[in-house]
Amino acid sequence: MNRSKRGTRPAKTTAPTPSTEKPGMHPRNAHRGRYDFAQLILALPELAAFVAETAHGNESIDFANPHAVKALNTALLKQAYGIRGWDIPAQYLCPPIPGRADYLHHVADLLASCNDGAIPRGAAVRVLDIGVGANCVYPLIGHSSYGWRFVGTDIDPNALANAQRIFEANPTFSAAIELRLQDSASNVFSGILQKDEVFDLSMCNPPFHASLSEAAAGSQRKWRNLGKTKATDQAPKLNFGGQDTELSCPGGEASFIARMIEESANSPLRCFWYTTLVSKVSNLPAIYRALQKVDAKDVRTLAMQHGQKQSRVVAWTFFDENQKRAWREQHWNATGAPENNSRQ
């Protein structure tokens, strides 16, 4: 990339068209087109310091610069969702906003598939975010996009404290998002679900790696893919960083999801749809076998693509078709609009 400073001339603006849209993005994703840096800089003037023209004549940032990535995230959340004061401490994960938004839109379609094609919206829909993190992006984007209420859980009290600071800067969000500390690193749903509490949906971006050394090797691969191979290049600190619990757990992604499935079977009717991201396609056969073992009634794999990267969400429910209809009639109305909530 040409790292020359951005000039005083007006930035190029390009409305999303089929030729500029990112392949594979969900059609409702606000980030499916090229980033409109003119609008993003209006939302966050500090971003201008990181924007430069590439060799192809487009504007971009250096995605190997953690400060640039953080500024881009802050601008995207403010410009697209009206979120102010978003910040994360050093060494916490700085998530890719377009991919996180895609997960939410795909699971919204999942709910719609059980509601005559209408997405249930508003406070009637309750979502459990396992591993909400310091960034809290799923509840923030989900409430902004669909009006859903969220409970976000984490085993890291410092992450929850930072998420709470974000809510305090956004009072309209704080009333719709509750944070809970998971006391046991070996539990997922156990210790979180309260008596008689039910959710329409659970979401999770599980720890990917089995160890911190494996996580470090993965970061180095990403670093090399960005062309950072010189001795003077420093390893990333923020955008490929993360706390231990964000990056790894014993057994990695496969083990964490296996625990999710086992615990979900212990509370089969407390959540309409359990879902999780699955990064490694090689983990799918074991996941499907585990879901068959616990007698999940409906299992779906929602394919996602972000540029060259392919991912997927695996969703499962213990509800049969009659129970699905009863849930819809009890918790949502036929048009997908919010009903009076009696589940507080």
Protein backbone atom coordinates (compact mmCIF):
# COMPACT_ATOMS: atom_id res chain seq x y z
CA MET A 1 0.00 0.00 0.00
CA ASN A 2 1.12 3.56 -0.63
CA ARG A 3 1.47 4.84 2.95
CA SER A 4 1.47 8.53 1.97
CA LYS A 5 -0.75 10.74 4.09
CA ARG A 6 -4.27 11.33 2.95
CA GLY A 7 -4.48 14.65 1.10
CA THR A 8 -6.94 17.48 1.54
CA ARG A 9 -8.89 16.62 -1.60
CA PRO A 10 -12.35 15.08 -1.06
CA ALA A 11 -12.30 11.33 -0.59
CA LYS A 12 -13.56 9.11 -3.33
CA THR A 13 -17.03 7.78 -2.62
CA THR A 14 -18.47 4.74 -4.29
CA ALA A 15 -22.04 3.57 -3.76
CA PRO A 16 -22.31 -0.20 -3.37
CA THR A 17 -22.94 -1.84 -6.72
CA PRO A 18 -22.68 -5.48 -7.80
CA SER A 19 -19.11 -4.82 -8.97
CA THR A 20 -18.02 -3.37 -5.61
CA GLU A 21 -19.90 -5.66 -3.25
CA LYS A 22 -17.91 -8.21 -1.28
CA PRO A 23 -18.75 -11.72 -2.49
CA GLY A 24 -20.77 -13.91 -0.16
CA MET A 25 -21.94 -11.22 2.25
CA HIS A 26 -25.51 -11.37 3.50
CA PRO A 27 -27.74 -9.02 1.47
CA ARG A 28 -28.80 -7.11 4.61
CA ASN A 29 -25.22 -6.59 5.75
CA ALA A 30 -24.52 -2.85 5.83
CA HIS A 31 -20.84 -3.58 5.11
CA ARG A 32 -21.23 -5.65 1.95
CA GLY A 33 -19.91 -2.82 -0.26
CA ARG A 34 -16.52 -1.16 -0.22
CA TYR A 35 -15.93 1.00 2.82
CA ASP A 36 -17.12 4.55 2.21
CA PHE A 37 -14.23 6.29 3.91
CA ALA A 38 -15.69 9.75 3.34
CA GLN A 39 -18.72 8.86 5.45
CA LEU A 40 -16.66 6.92 7.98
CA ILE A 41 -14.34 9.87 8.51
CA LEU A 42 -17.33 12.13 9.03
CA ALA A 43 -18.40 9.75 11.79
CA LEU A 44 -14.88 9.49 13.24
CA PRO A 45 -12.42 12.18 12.06
CA GLU A 46 -9.51 10.35 13.75
CA LEU A 47 -9.79 7.64 11.11
CA ALA A 48 -8.41 10.01 8.44
CA ALA A 49 -4.88 9.61 9.78
CA PHE A 50 -4.93 5.93 8.82
CA VAL A 51 -6.48 6.18 5.34
CA ALA A 52 -4.23 6.13 2.29
CA GLU A 53 -4.53 5.42 -1.40
CA THR A 54 -3.54 1.97 -2.58
CA ALA A 55 -1.57 1.15 -5.72
CA HIS A 56 -4.91 0.44 -7.41
CA GLY A 57 -6.23 3.94 -6.69
CA ASN A 58 -8.66 2.89 -3.95
CA GLU A 59 -8.68 4.12 -0.39
CA SER A 60 -7.94 1.70 2.42
CA ILE A 61 -6.12 1.27 5.72
CA ASP A 62 -3.17 -0.89 6.66
CA PHE A 63 -4.94 -3.89 8.19
CA ALA A 64 -1.68 -4.93 9.84
CA ASN A 65 -1.80 -1.74 11.94
CA PRO A 66 -3.85 -2.48 15.07
CA HIS A 67 -4.58 1.20 15.69
CA ALA A 68 -5.96 1.57 12.18
CA VAL A 69 -8.17 -1.52 12.58
CA LYS A 70 -9.50 -0.28 15.90
CA ALA A 71 -10.27 3.15 14.42
CA LEU A 72 -12.08 1.51 11.49
CA ASN A 73 -14.18 -0.60 13.85
CA THR A 74 -15.07 2.43 15.93
CA ALA A 75 -16.13 4.35 12.83
CA LEU A 76 -18.17 1.44 11.42
CA LEU A 77 -20.08 0.97 14.68
CA LYS A 78 -20.79 4.69 14.98
CA GLN A 79 -21.71 5.30 11.33
CA ALA A 80 -23.85 2.17 10.74
CA TYR A 81 -25.36 1.54 14.17
CA GLY A 82 -25.15 4.82 16.11
CA ILE A 83 -22.84 3.34 18.76
CA ARG A 84 -20.71 5.92 20.56
CA GLY A 85 -17.74 5.54 22.85
CA TRP A 86 -16.81 2.05 21.66
CA ASP A 87 -13.40 1.05 22.90
CA ILE A 88 -11.48 -2.06 23.92
CA PRO A 89 -8.43 -2.38 26.16
CA ALA A 90 -5.06 -3.32 24.74
CA GLN A 91 -4.63 -7.04 24.09
CA TYR A 92 -8.35 -7.77 23.74
CA LEU A 93 -9.73 -9.06 20.46
CA CYS A 94 -10.68 -6.46 17.87
CA PRO A 95 -13.32 -8.34 15.84
CA PRO A 96 -14.10 -7.86 12.14
CA ILE A 97 -17.41 -6.02 12.19
CA PRO A 98 -18.73 -7.22 8.77
CA GLY A 99 -18.33 -10.88 9.73
CA ARG A 100 -19.99 -10.41 13.11
CA ALA A 101 -22.92 -8.65 11.44
CA ASP A 102 -23.24 -11.53 8.95
CA TYR A 103 -23.71 -14.05 11.77
CA LEU A 104 -26.57 -11.97 13.18
CA HIS A 105 -28.33 -11.63 9.83
CA HIS A 106 -28.09 -15.36 9.14
CA VAL A 107 -29.57 -16.31 12.51
CA ALA A 108 -32.31 -13.71 11.98
CA ASP A 109 -33.21 -15.66 8.83
CA LEU A 110 -33.11 -18.85 10.91
CA LEU A 111 -35.77 -17.44 13.23
CA ALA A 112 -37.76 -16.23 10.23
CA SER A 113 -37.80 -19.76 8.82
CA CYS A 114 -39.94 -20.73 11.83
CA ASN A 115 -42.14 -17.65 11.59
CA ASP A 116 -43.65 -17.79 8.08
CA GLY A 117 -40.65 -15.93 6.69
CA ALA A 118 -40.98 -12.89 8.95
CA ILE A 119 -38.02 -11.99 11.16
CA PRO A 120 -39.16 -11.66 14.79
CA ARG A 121 -38.12 -8.22 15.97
CA GLY A 122 -38.16 -6.22 19.14
CA ALA A 123 -37.89 -6.96 22.84
CA ALA A 124 -39.91 -10.18 22.58
CA VAL A 125 -36.77 -11.86 21.21
CA ARG A 126 -34.11 -12.77 23.78
CA VAL A 127 -30.62 -13.81 22.71
CA LEU A 128 -27.87 -15.38 24.82
CA ASP A 129 -24.33 -14.43 23.72
CA ILE A 130 -21.78 -16.90 25.09
CA GLY A 131 -18.40 -15.14 25.39
CA VAL A 132 -19.59 -11.58 24.84
CA GLY A 133 -16.07 -10.24 25.35
CA ALA A 134 -14.87 -6.71 25.97
CA ASN A 135 -16.04 -5.65 22.48
CA CYS A 136 -19.70 -6.73 22.91
CA VAL A 137 -20.37 -6.45 19.18
CA TYR A 138 -23.11 -9.08 18.85
CA PRO A 139 -25.48 -7.41 21.35
CA LEU A 140 -24.70 -3.94 20.02
CA ILE A 141 -25.29 -4.81 16.36
CA GLY A 142 -28.17 -7.19 17.12
CA HIS A 143 -30.11 -4.68 19.19
CA SER A 144 -29.47 -1.88 16.69
CA SER A 145 -30.54 -4.04 13.72
CA TYR A 146 -33.48 -5.98 15.16
CA GLY A 147 -34.34 -4.52 18.57
CA TRP A 148 -33.55 -7.84 20.27
CA ARG A 149 -32.67 -8.10 23.95
CA PHE A 150 -29.41 -9.80 24.92
CA VAL A 151 -27.75 -11.49 27.85
CA GLY A 152 -23.98 -11.53 27.38
CA THR A 153 -21.82 -13.91 29.40
CA ASP A 154 -18.09 -14.14 29.93
CA ILE A 155 -15.60 -15.70 32.33
CA ASP A 156 -13.47 -12.52 32.31
CA PRO A 157 -14.71 -9.81 34.72
CA ASN A 158 -12.47 -7.21 33.09
CA ALA A 159 -14.08 -7.85 29.71
CA LEU A 160 -17.53 -7.41 31.24
CA ALA A 161 -16.43 -4.20 32.94
CA ASN A 162 -15.35 -2.77 29.60
CA ALA A 163 -18.62 -3.84 27.97
CA GLN A 164 -20.48 -2.08 30.76
CA ARG A 165 -18.57 1.13 30.02
CA ILE A 166 -19.69 0.91 26.40
CA PHE A 167 -23.31 0.57 27.52
CA GLU A 168 -22.98 3.57 29.81
CA ALA A 169 -21.97 5.62 26.75
CA ASN A 170 -25.06 4.30 24.91
CA PRO A 171 -28.06 4.47 27.28
CA THR A 172 -30.55 3.21 24.69
CA PHE A 173 -28.58 -0.03 24.49
CA SER A 174 -27.97 -0.55 28.21
CA ALA A 175 -31.63 -1.23 28.95
CA ALA A 176 -31.67 -4.06 26.42
CA ILE A 177 -28.39 -5.82 27.27
CA GLU A 178 -27.58 -7.63 30.52
CA LEU A 179 -24.13 -8.93 31.44
CA ARG A 180 -23.46 -12.04 33.55
CA LEU A 181 -20.21 -13.48 34.84
CA GLN A 182 -19.66 -17.19 34.23
CA ASP A 183 -17.91 -18.40 37.38
CA SER A 184 -16.72 -21.72 35.94
CA ALA A 185 -14.42 -21.99 32.92
CA SER A 186 -15.63 -25.57 32.43
CA ASN A 187 -19.30 -24.58 32.01
CA VAL A 188 -21.11 -22.95 29.11
CA PHE A 189 -24.83 -22.71 29.95
CA SER A 190 -24.75 -24.20 33.43
CA GLY A 191 -24.68 -21.48 36.08
CA ILE A 192 -25.95 -18.87 33.60
CA LEU A 193 -29.52 -19.92 32.88
CA GLN A 194 -31.81 -18.69 35.63
CA LYS A 195 -34.89 -20.49 36.89
CA ASP A 196 -37.65 -20.69 34.26
CA GLU A 197 -35.64 -18.46 31.91
CA VAL A 198 -35.87 -19.12 28.18
CA PHE A 199 -34.16 -17.73 25.08
CA ASP A 200 -35.09 -17.63 21.44
CA LEU A 201 -31.48 -17.94 20.32
CA SER A 202 -27.96 -18.49 21.59
CA MET A 203 -24.81 -17.35 19.79
CA CYS A 204 -21.15 -18.14 20.30
CA ASN A 205 -17.77 -17.50 18.72
CA PRO A 206 -15.84 -20.24 20.54
CA PRO A 207 -12.11 -20.14 21.29
CA PHE A 208 -10.41 -21.41 18.17
CA HIS A 209 -7.10 -22.80 19.39
CA ALA A 210 -6.18 -25.62 21.74
CA SER A 211 -3.22 -23.74 23.29
CA LEU A 212 -1.59 -20.32 23.40
CA SER A 213 1.37 -21.61 21.37
CA GLU A 214 -1.05 -22.71 18.64
CA ALA A 215 -2.71 -19.29 18.79
CA ALA A 216 0.66 -17.56 18.44
CA ALA A 217 1.51 -19.68 15.39
CA GLY A 218 -1.84 -18.73 13.85
CA SER A 219 -1.13 -15.04 14.38
CA GLN A 220 2.24 -15.40 12.70
CA ARG A 221 0.59 -17.01 9.67
CA LYS A 222 -1.82 -14.08 9.39
CA TRP A 223 1.10 -11.71 9.78
CA ARG A 224 2.96 -13.36 6.90
CA ASN A 225 -0.19 -13.30 4.76
CA LEU A 226 -0.22 -9.52 5.16
CA GLY A 227 3.31 -9.39 3.76
CA LYS A 228 5.01 -8.67 7.08
CA THR A 229 8.13 -10.78 6.73
CA LYS A 230 10.95 -8.29 7.35
CA ALA A 231 12.97 -8.49 10.52
CA THR A 232 11.85 -4.98 11.44
CA ASP A 233 8.17 -5.90 11.27
CA GLN A 234 6.64 -6.26 14.71
CA ALA A 235 4.02 -8.88 15.54
CA PRO A 236 0.48 -7.54 15.89
CA LYS A 237 -0.67 -6.40 19.31
CA LEU A 238 -4.38 -5.66 18.97
CA ASN A 239 -6.13 -6.91 15.85
CA PHE A 240 -4.52 -10.35 16.10
CA GLY A 241 -4.23 -10.16 19.88
CA GLY A 242 -6.61 -11.40 22.49
CA GLN A 243 -6.75 -12.62 26.05
CA ASP A 244 -5.98 -16.25 26.82
CA THR A 245 -9.66 -17.15 27.23
CA GLU A 246 -10.56 -15.47 23.92
CA LEU A 247 -7.95 -17.37 21.95
CA SER A 248 -7.76 -20.87 23.35
CA CYS A 249 -9.25 -23.53 25.56
CA PRO A 250 -8.28 -27.15 26.24
CA GLY A 251 -9.13 -29.08 23.11
CA GLY A 252 -9.81 -25.94 21.08
CA GLU A 253 -12.96 -25.23 19.11
CA ALA A 254 -14.01 -28.88 18.81
CA SER A 255 -13.90 -29.48 22.55
CA PHE A 256 -15.74 -26.26 23.40
CA ILE A 257 -18.56 -26.99 20.96
CA ALA A 258 -18.83 -30.55 22.27
CA ARG A 259 -19.42 -29.11 25.75
CA MET A 260 -22.01 -26.71 24.33
CA ILE A 261 -23.91 -29.57 22.75
CA GLU A 262 -23.78 -31.69 25.90
CA GLU A 263 -25.03 -28.85 28.11
CA SER A 264 -27.71 -27.83 25.62
CA ALA A 265 -29.13 -31.36 25.85
CA ASN A 266 -29.43 -30.89 29.61
CA SER A 267 -31.69 -27.87 28.99
CA PRO A 268 -33.31 -28.81 25.68
CA LEU A 269 -36.34 -26.52 25.86
CA ARG A 270 -34.70 -23.50 27.46
CA CYS A 271 -33.48 -22.18 24.09
CA PHE A 272 -35.33 -22.41 20.78
CA TRP A 273 -32.19 -22.42 18.59
CA TYR A 274 -28.68 -23.08 19.85
CA THR A 275 -26.02 -21.81 17.42
CA THR A 276 -22.26 -21.50 17.17
CA LEU A 277 -19.66 -20.42 14.67
CA VAL A 278 -17.50 -23.26 13.36
CA SER A 279 -14.23 -22.12 11.84
CA LYS A 280 -12.70 -25.51 11.02
CA VAL A 281 -14.67 -27.48 8.46
CA SER A 282 -12.86 -30.60 9.68
CA ASN A 283 -14.76 -30.30 12.98
CA LEU A 284 -18.17 -30.68 11.33
CA PRO A 285 -18.41 -34.52 11.25
CA ALA A 286 -17.78 -34.79 15.01
CA ILE A 287 -20.29 -32.00 15.66
CA TYR A 288 -22.96 -33.73 13.60
CA ARG A 289 -22.32 -37.02 15.41
CA ALA A 290 -22.62 -35.33 18.79
CA LEU A 291 -25.90 -33.68 17.79
CA GLN A 292 -27.27 -36.99 16.57
CA LYS A 293 -26.27 -38.60 19.87
CA VAL A 294 -28.25 -36.03 21.91
CA ASP A 295 -31.25 -36.40 19.56
CA ALA A 296 -31.37 -32.86 18.20
CA LYS A 297 -34.56 -32.62 16.16
CA ASP A 298 -33.34 -30.15 13.53
CA VAL A 299 -29.72 -29.37 12.61
CA ARG A 300 -28.78 -26.72 10.07
CA THR A 301 -25.51 -25.41 8.70
CA LEU A 302 -25.56 -21.79 7.56
CA ALA A 303 -22.74 -21.09 5.10
CA MET A 304 -20.95 -17.74 5.23
CA GLN A 305 -18.24 -16.25 3.05
CA HIS A 306 -16.17 -13.12 3.64
CA GLY A 307 -13.95 -12.56 0.65
CA GLN A 308 -11.73 -15.64 0.38
CA LYS A 309 -12.58 -16.83 3.89
CA GLN A 310 -15.34 -19.39 4.28
CA SER A 311 -17.06 -20.06 7.58
CA ARG A 312 -20.33 -21.45 8.83
CA VAL A 313 -22.82 -21.42 11.67
CA VAL A 314 -24.16 -24.71 13.00
CA ALA A 315 -27.62 -24.43 14.55
CA TRP A 316 -29.64 -27.06 16.37
CA THR A 317 -32.94 -27.29 18.21
CA PHE A 318 -34.68 -29.91 20.34
CA PHE A 319 -38.12 -28.63 19.29
CA ASP A 320 -40.24 -30.69 16.93
CA GLU A 321 -42.52 -28.97 14.43
CA ASN A 322 -45.48 -28.79 16.81
CA GLN A 323 -43.32 -27.28 19.53
CA LYS A 324 -41.90 -24.75 17.06
CA ARG A 325 -45.41 -23.60 16.17
CA ALA A 326 -46.36 -23.37 19.84
CA TRP A 327 -43.26 -21.28 20.57
CA ARG A 328 -44.07 -18.87 17.77
CA GLU A 329 -47.65 -18.47 18.96
CA GLN A 330 -46.57 -17.93 22.55
CA HIS A 331 -43.56 -15.64 22.07
CA TRP A 332 -43.93 -13.94 18.68
CA ASN A 333 -46.94 -12.81 16.75
CA ALA A 334 -47.62 -13.95 13.19
CA THR A 335 -46.11 -10.86 11.54
CA GLY A 336 -42.81 -11.02 13.38
CA ALA A 337 -43.49 -7.77 15.24
CA PRO A 338 -42.78 -7.69 18.99
CA GLU A 339 -45.53 -8.73 21.33
CA ASN A 340 -45.93 -7.75 24.97
CA ASN A 341 -43.06 -9.47 26.75
CA SER A 342 -43.99 -11.58 29.76
CA ARG A 343 -40.59 -13.21 30.16
CA GLN A 344 -38.78 -10.53 32.13
